[in-house]
Amino acid sequence: AAADVSPAALADRVASPGGMTREGMNVLDNGDALRRLLAETLRATRDKGAALSKGD
C-alpha cells in the first residue's frame, strides 16, 4: 500500500528540529549509512537462509 506521506515527512513529524531524534536521524542519513546497513542486513539474512537450506 502506498502512503500518502513521504518517509521524510513522517520523520519530520516525530523529530523536533535540533532535537535528539533529529540528530540520530541525521547520522543515519549521512553518507547513506542507513541504506548501507539495511543492505548488509539483507545480504546476511539471505546468505544465512541459503546456508541453512543446504544444512550448513
PDB file of N, CA and C in Angstrom:
ATOM      1  N   ALA A   1       0.845  -1.185   0.000  1.00  0.00           N
ATOM      2  CA  ALA A   1       0.000   0.000   0.000  1.00  0.00           C
ATOM      3  C   ALA A   1       0.878   1.231   0.000  1.00  0.00           C
ATOM      4  N   ALA A   2       0.501   2.192  -0.755  1.00  0.00           N
ATOM      5  CA  ALA A   2       1.264   3.436  -0.842  1.00  0.00           C
ATOM      6  C   ALA A   2       0.819   4.382   0.265  1.00  0.00           C
ATOM      7  N   ALA A   3       1.786   5.068   0.830  1.00  0.00           N
ATOM      8  CA  ALA A   3       1.493   6.049   1.870  1.00  0.00           C
ATOM      9  C   ALA A   3       1.199   7.396   1.224  1.00  0.00           C
ATOM     10  N   ASP A   4       0.343   8.155   1.868  1.00  0.00           N
ATOM     11  CA  ASP A   4       0.039   9.500   1.386  1.00  0.00           C
ATOM     12  C   ASP A   4       1.126  10.488   1.764  1.00  0.00           C
ATOM     13  N   VAL A   5       1.968  10.088   2.710  1.00  0.00           N
ATOM     14  CA  VAL A   5       3.008  10.973   3.228  1.00  0.00           C
ATOM     15  C   VAL A   5       4.362  10.309   3.006  1.00  0.00           C
ATOM     16  N   SER A   6       5.342  11.087   2.596  1.00  0.00           N
ATOM     17  CA  SER A   6       6.677  10.537   2.346  1.00  0.00           C
ATOM     18  C   SER A   6       7.359  10.155   3.656  1.00  0.00           C
ATOM     19  N   PRO A   7       8.332   9.246   3.603  1.00  0.00           N
ATOM     20  CA  PRO A   7       9.084   8.911   4.812  1.00  0.00           C
ATOM     21  C   PRO A   7       9.743  10.138   5.445  1.00  0.00           C
ATOM     22  N   ALA A   8      10.238  11.042   4.623  1.00  0.00           N
ATOM     23  CA  ALA A   8      10.871  12.252   5.163  1.00  0.00           C
ATOM     24  C   ALA A   8       9.860  13.105   5.926  1.00  0.00           C
ATOM     25  N   ALA A   9       8.651  13.217   5.396  1.00  0.00           N
ATOM     26  CA  ALA A   9       7.617  13.994   6.079  1.00  0.00           C
ATOM     27  C   ALA A   9       7.219  13.329   7.389  1.00  0.00           C
ATOM     28  N   LEU A  10       7.121  12.002   7.387  1.00  0.00           N
ATOM     29  CA  LEU A  10       6.813  11.292   8.631  1.00  0.00           C
ATOM     30  C   LEU A  10       7.909  11.514   9.665  1.00  0.00           C
ATOM     31  N   ALA A  11       9.157  11.465   9.223  1.00  0.00           N
ATOM     32  CA  ALA A  11      10.276  11.686  10.136  1.00  0.00           C
ATOM     33  C   ALA A  11      10.211  13.086  10.728  1.00  0.00           C
ATOM     34  N   ASP A  12       9.866  14.056   9.904  1.00  0.00           N
ATOM     35  CA  ASP A  12       9.765  15.432  10.399  1.00  0.00           C
ATOM     36  C   ASP A  12       8.668  15.580  11.443  1.00  0.00           C
ATOM     37  N   ARG A  13       7.659  14.738  11.382  1.00  0.00           N
ATOM     38  CA  ARG A  13       6.573  14.792  12.363  1.00  0.00           C
ATOM     39  C   ARG A  13       7.014  14.294  13.739  1.00  0.00           C
ATOM     40  N   VAL A  14       7.987  13.396  13.773  1.00  0.00           N
ATOM     41  CA  VAL A  14       8.395  12.818  15.058  1.00  0.00           C
ATOM     42  C   VAL A  14       9.722  13.359  15.570  1.00  0.00           C
ATOM     43  N   ALA A  15      10.440  14.090  14.738  1.00  0.00           N
ATOM     44  CA  ALA A  15      11.759  14.590  15.134  1.00  0.00           C
ATOM     45  C   ALA A  15      11.716  16.104  15.296  1.00  0.00           C
ATOM     46  N   SER A  16      11.939  16.563  16.511  1.00  0.00           N
ATOM     47  CA  SER A  16      11.985  18.003  16.759  1.00  0.00           C
ATOM     48  C   SER A  16      13.232  18.595  16.131  1.00  0.00           C
ATOM     49  N   PRO A  17      13.104  19.725  15.440  1.00  0.00           N
ATOM     50  CA  PRO A  17      14.292  20.369  14.875  1.00  0.00           C
ATOM     51  C   PRO A  17      15.323  20.637  15.976  1.00  0.00           C
ATOM     52  N   GLY A  18      16.543  20.207  15.751  1.00  0.00           N
ATOM     53  CA  GLY A  18      17.600  20.405  16.735  1.00  0.00           C
ATOM     54  C   GLY A  18      17.537  19.445  17.912  1.00  0.00           C
ATOM     55  N   GLY A  19      16.605  18.491  17.867  1.00  0.00           N
ATOM     56  CA  GLY A  19      16.435  17.562  18.980  1.00  0.00           C
ATOM     57  C   GLY A  19      17.255  16.294  18.830  1.00  0.00           C
ATOM     58  N   MET A  20      17.115  15.429  19.822  1.00  0.00           N
ATOM     59  CA  MET A  20      17.885  14.188  19.869  1.00  0.00           C
ATOM     60  C   MET A  20      17.516  13.240  18.730  1.00  0.00           C
ATOM     61  N   THR A  21      16.229  13.069  18.475  1.00  0.00           N
ATOM     62  CA  THR A  21      15.809  12.162  17.405  1.00  0.00           C
ATOM     63  C   THR A  21      16.322  12.647  16.064  1.00  0.00           C
ATOM     64  N   ARG A  22      16.197  13.936  15.802  1.00  0.00           N
ATOM     65  CA  ARG A  22      16.682  14.500  14.542  1.00  0.00           C
ATOM     66  C   ARG A  22      18.186  14.294  14.413  1.00  0.00           C
ATOM     67  N   GLU A  23      18.925  14.459  15.494  1.00  0.00           N
ATOM     68  CA  GLU A  23      20.382  14.269  15.446  1.00  0.00           C
ATOM     69  C   GLU A  23      20.722  12.826  15.079  1.00  0.00           C
ATOM     70  N   GLY A  24      20.027  11.885  15.682  1.00  0.00           N
ATOM     71  CA  GLY A  24      20.254  10.485  15.343  1.00  0.00           C
ATOM     72  C   GLY A  24      19.889  10.186  13.903  1.00  0.00           C
ATOM     73  N   MET A  25      18.790  10.747  13.438  1.00  0.00           N
ATOM     74  CA  MET A  25      18.381  10.542  12.051  1.00  0.00           C
ATOM     75  C   MET A  25      19.379  11.166  11.085  1.00  0.00           C
ATOM     76  N   ASN A  26      19.969  12.281  11.469  1.00  0.00           N
ATOM     77  CA  ASN A  26      20.993  12.904  10.626  1.00  0.00           C
ATOM     78  C   ASN A  26      22.185  11.973  10.440  1.00  0.00           C
ATOM     79  N   VAL A  27      22.560  11.265  11.496  1.00  0.00           N
ATOM     80  CA  VAL A  27      23.671  10.310  11.398  1.00  0.00           C
ATOM     81  C   VAL A  27      23.311   9.200  10.413  1.00  0.00           C
ATOM     82  N   LEU A  28      22.094   8.677  10.524  1.00  0.00           N
ATOM     83  CA  LEU A  28      21.670   7.612   9.615  1.00  0.00           C
ATOM     84  C   LEU A  28      21.576   8.102   8.172  1.00  0.00           C
ATOM     85  N   ASP A  29      21.178   9.343   7.983  1.00  0.00           N
ATOM     86  CA  ASP A  29      21.063   9.909   6.636  1.00  0.00           C
ATOM     87  C   ASP A  29      22.415  10.254   6.033  1.00  0.00           C
ATOM     88  N   ASN A  30      23.402  10.534   6.877  1.00  0.00           N
ATOM     89  CA  ASN A  30      24.715  10.968   6.411  1.00  0.00           C
ATOM     90  C   ASN A  30      25.417   9.841   5.657  1.00  0.00           C
ATOM     91  N   GLY A  31      25.787  10.103   4.428  1.00  0.00           N
ATOM     92  CA  GLY A  31      26.540   9.116   3.662  1.00  0.00           C
ATOM     93  C   GLY A  31      25.781   7.834   3.399  1.00  0.00           C
ATOM     94  N   ASP A  32      24.454   7.894   3.450  1.00  0.00           N
ATOM     95  CA  ASP A  32      23.650   6.710   3.148  1.00  0.00           C
ATOM     96  C   ASP A  32      23.877   5.581   4.155  1.00  0.00           C
ATOM     97  N   ALA A  33      24.198   5.917   5.402  1.00  0.00           N
ATOM     98  CA  ALA A  33      24.515   4.909   6.418  1.00  0.00           C
ATOM     99  C   ALA A  33      23.370   3.914   6.612  1.00  0.00           C
ATOM    100  N   LEU A  34      22.154   4.403   6.690  1.00  0.00           N
ATOM    101  CA  LEU A  34      21.021   3.505   6.925  1.00  0.00           C
ATOM    102  C   LEU A  34      20.820   2.567   5.742  1.00  0.00           C
ATOM    103  N   ARG A  35      20.912   3.092   4.541  1.00  0.00           N
ATOM    104  CA  ARG A  35      20.739   2.250   3.351  1.00  0.00           C
ATOM    105  C   ARG A  35      21.806   1.162   3.298  1.00  0.00           C
ATOM    106  N   ARG A  36      23.054   1.523   3.620  1.00  0.00           N
ATOM    107  CA  ARG A  36      24.135   0.529   3.628  1.00  0.00           C
ATOM    108  C   ARG A  36      23.887  -0.530   4.694  1.00  0.00           C
ATOM    109  N   LEU A  37      23.466  -0.102   5.876  1.00  0.00           N
ATOM    110  CA  LEU A  37      23.188  -1.038   6.962  1.00  0.00           C
ATOM    111  C   LEU A  37      22.058  -1.996   6.591  1.00  0.00           C
ATOM    112  N   LEU A  38      21.004  -1.475   6.005  1.00  0.00           N
ATOM    113  CA  LEU A  38      19.895  -2.337   5.592  1.00  0.00           C
ATOM    114  C   LEU A  38      20.329  -3.317   4.511  1.00  0.00           C
ATOM    115  N   ALA A  39      21.122  -2.859   3.559  1.00  0.00           N
ATOM    116  CA  ALA A  39      21.606  -3.752   2.501  1.00  0.00           C
ATOM    117  C   ALA A  39      22.471  -4.856   3.089  1.00  0.00           C
ATOM    118  N   GLU A  40      23.353  -4.502   4.023  1.00  0.00           N
ATOM    119  CA  GLU A  40      24.213  -5.502   4.667  1.00  0.00           C
ATOM    120  C   GLU A  40      23.376  -6.504   5.460  1.00  0.00           C
ATOM    121  N   THR A  41      22.357  -6.012   6.146  1.00  0.00           N
ATOM    122  CA  THR A  41      21.472  -6.877   6.920  1.00  0.00           C
ATOM    123  C   THR A  41      20.737  -7.860   6.013  1.00  0.00           C
ATOM    124  N   LEU A  42      20.219  -7.366   4.908  1.00  0.00           N
ATOM    125  CA  LEU A  42      19.501  -8.239   3.977  1.00  0.00           C
ATOM    126  C   LEU A  42      20.425  -9.270   3.342  1.00  0.00           C
ATOM    127  N   ARG A  43      21.660  -8.885   3.012  1.00  0.00           N
ATOM    128  CA  ARG A  43      22.622  -9.846   2.459  1.00  0.00           C
ATOM    129  C   ARG A  43      22.925 -10.943   3.468  1.00  0.00           C
ATOM    130  N   ALA A  44      23.158 -10.550   4.724  1.00  0.00           N
ATOM    131  CA  ALA A  44      23.469 -11.534   5.762  1.00  0.00           C
ATOM    132  C   ALA A  44      22.301 -12.495   5.961  1.00  0.00           C
ATOM    133  N   THR A  45      21.091 -11.968   5.937  1.00  0.00           N
ATOM    134  CA  THR A  45      19.904 -12.803   6.090  1.00  0.00           C
ATOM    135  C   THR A  45      19.768 -13.771   4.921  1.00  0.00           C
ATOM    136  N   ARG A  46      19.960 -13.269   3.711  1.00  0.00           N
ATOM    137  CA  ARG A  46      19.891 -14.121   2.516  1.00  0.00           C
ATOM    138  C   ARG A  46      20.933 -15.226   2.578  1.00  0.00           C
ATOM    139  N   ASP A  47      22.168 -14.850   2.938  1.00  0.00           N
ATOM    140  CA  ASP A  47      23.253 -15.829   2.987  1.00  0.00           C
ATOM    141  C   ASP A  47      23.004 -16.892   4.054  1.00  0.00           C
ATOM    142  N   LYS A  48      22.480 -16.474   5.193  1.00  0.00           N
ATOM    143  CA  LYS A  48      22.179 -17.435   6.257  1.00  0.00           C
ATOM    144  C   LYS A  48      21.065 -18.380   5.818  1.00  0.00           C
ATOM    145  N   GLY A  49      20.055 -17.853   5.154  1.00  0.00           N
ATOM    146  CA  GLY A  49      18.976 -18.695   4.646  1.00  0.00           C
ATOM    147  C   GLY A  49      19.487 -19.724   3.649  1.00  0.00           C
ATOM    148  N   ALA A  50      20.384 -19.293   2.769  1.00  0.00           N
ATOM    149  CA  ALA A  50      20.964 -20.217   1.787  1.00  0.00           C
ATOM    150  C   ALA A  50      21.768 -21.302   2.492  1.00  0.00           C
ATOM    151  N   ALA A  51      22.548 -20.913   3.496  1.00  0.00           N
ATOM    152  CA  ALA A  51      23.354 -21.887   4.235  1.00  0.00           C
ATOM    153  C   ALA A  51      22.462 -22.876   4.983  1.00  0.00           C
ATOM    154  N   LEU A  52      21.414 -22.380   5.610  1.00  0.00           N
ATOM    155  CA  LEU A  52      20.503 -23.265   6.341  1.00  0.00           C
ATOM    156  C   LEU A  52      19.796 -24.240   5.405  1.00  0.00           C
ATOM    157  N   SER A  53      19.455 -23.775   4.217  1.00  0.00           N
ATOM    158  CA  SER A  53      18.763 -24.665   3.279  1.00  0.00           C
ATOM    159  C   SER A  53      19.671 -25.780   2.770  1.00  0.00           C
ATOM    160  N   LYS A  54      20.990 -25.562   2.863  1.00  0.00           N
ATOM    161  CA  LYS A  54      21.959 -26.583   2.457  1.00  0.00           C
ATOM    162  C   LYS A  54      22.378 -27.457   3.632  1.00  0.00           C
ATOM    163  N   GLY A  55      21.861 -27.140   4.826  1.00  0.00           N
ATOM    164  CA  GLY A  55      22.204 -27.914   6.007  1.00  0.00           C
ATOM    165  C   GLY A  55      23.478 -27.462   6.686  1.00  0.00           C
ATOM    166  N   ASP A  56      23.975 -26.294   6.338  1.00  0.00           N
ATOM    167  CA  ASP A  56      25.205 -25.765   6.964  1.00  0.00           C
ATOM    168  C   ASP A  56      24.930 -25.203   8.339  1.00  0.00           C
TER     169      ASP A  56
END
